[in-house]
Protein backbone atom coordinates (compact mmCIF):
# COMPACT_ATOMS: atom_id res chain seq x y z
CA MET A 1 -14.44 56.53 -39.31
CA ILE A 2 -11.58 54.36 -40.50
CA THR A 3 -7.98 55.19 -39.64
CA TYR A 4 -5.06 53.89 -41.72
CA THR A 5 -1.70 53.74 -40.00
CA ARG A 6 1.58 51.90 -39.70
CA THR A 7 1.33 49.28 -36.97
CA THR A 8 3.11 46.30 -35.40
CA PRO A 9 2.85 42.65 -36.38
CA ASP A 10 1.25 41.91 -33.01
CA ARG A 11 -1.70 44.23 -33.82
CA ILE A 12 -2.51 42.44 -37.09
CA LEU A 13 -1.67 38.85 -36.13
CA GLN A 14 -5.24 37.85 -35.17
CA LEU A 15 -6.66 39.16 -38.45
CA ARG A 16 -3.95 37.39 -40.42
CA TYR A 17 -4.69 34.20 -38.49
CA GLN A 18 -8.50 34.34 -38.77
CA VAL A 19 -9.02 35.76 -42.25
CA LEU A 20 -5.91 35.64 -44.38
CA ARG A 21 -4.56 32.24 -43.32
CA PRO A 22 -7.51 30.10 -42.18
CA GLY A 23 -6.60 26.53 -41.37
CA PHE A 24 -3.04 27.34 -40.30
CA SER A 25 -1.83 27.31 -36.72
CA ILE A 26 -1.11 30.66 -35.06
CA ALA A 27 2.62 29.82 -35.20
CA ASP A 28 2.38 29.31 -38.97
CA VAL A 29 1.07 32.83 -39.60
CA ILE A 30 4.06 34.51 -37.95
CA PHE A 31 6.55 35.27 -40.69
CA ALA A 32 10.29 35.10 -40.01
CA GLU A 33 10.58 38.60 -41.49
CA ASP A 34 7.84 40.16 -39.32
CA HIS A 35 10.31 41.86 -37.00
CA ASN A 36 12.92 42.84 -39.60
CA GLN A 37 13.69 46.54 -39.64
CA GLU A 38 12.80 46.75 -43.34
CA THR A 39 9.39 45.05 -42.98
CA ARG A 40 6.36 47.35 -42.83
CA HIS A 41 2.94 46.58 -41.38
CA TYR A 42 -0.10 48.76 -41.99
CA GLY A 43 -3.62 48.44 -40.73
CA ALA A 44 -7.05 49.97 -41.11
CA PHE A 45 -8.75 50.47 -37.75
CA ASN A 46 -12.39 51.23 -36.98
CA ASP A 47 -13.69 53.60 -34.27
CA ARG A 48 -13.22 50.89 -31.63
CA ARG A 49 -9.53 50.54 -32.63
CA GLU A 50 -10.18 47.06 -34.05
CA VAL A 51 -8.11 46.13 -37.07
CA ILE A 52 -10.34 45.53 -40.09
CA CYS A 53 -7.72 45.32 -42.84
CA CYS A 54 -3.97 44.84 -42.97
CA VAL A 55 -0.98 44.55 -45.24
CA THR A 56 2.57 43.41 -44.57
CA LEU A 57 5.35 44.51 -46.91
CA ILE A 58 8.49 42.37 -46.81
CA LEU A 59 11.66 43.39 -48.63
CA SER A 60 12.56 40.82 -51.27
CA ILE A 61 15.37 40.63 -53.81
CA TRP A 62 14.10 39.06 -57.03
């Protein structure tokens, strides 16, 4: 079973580092906006509570 839920940047950081941003340092995958009140992080978690998918939504004025 997969559970989709809002989460924290700390819970998705390893996935972002390993899969979404390979070749970057761990410090480079931490966004300045990660802890902004408006930023939203969501993850998909398997039965073992491991994150298998994630998305970060950052407010931006275009």
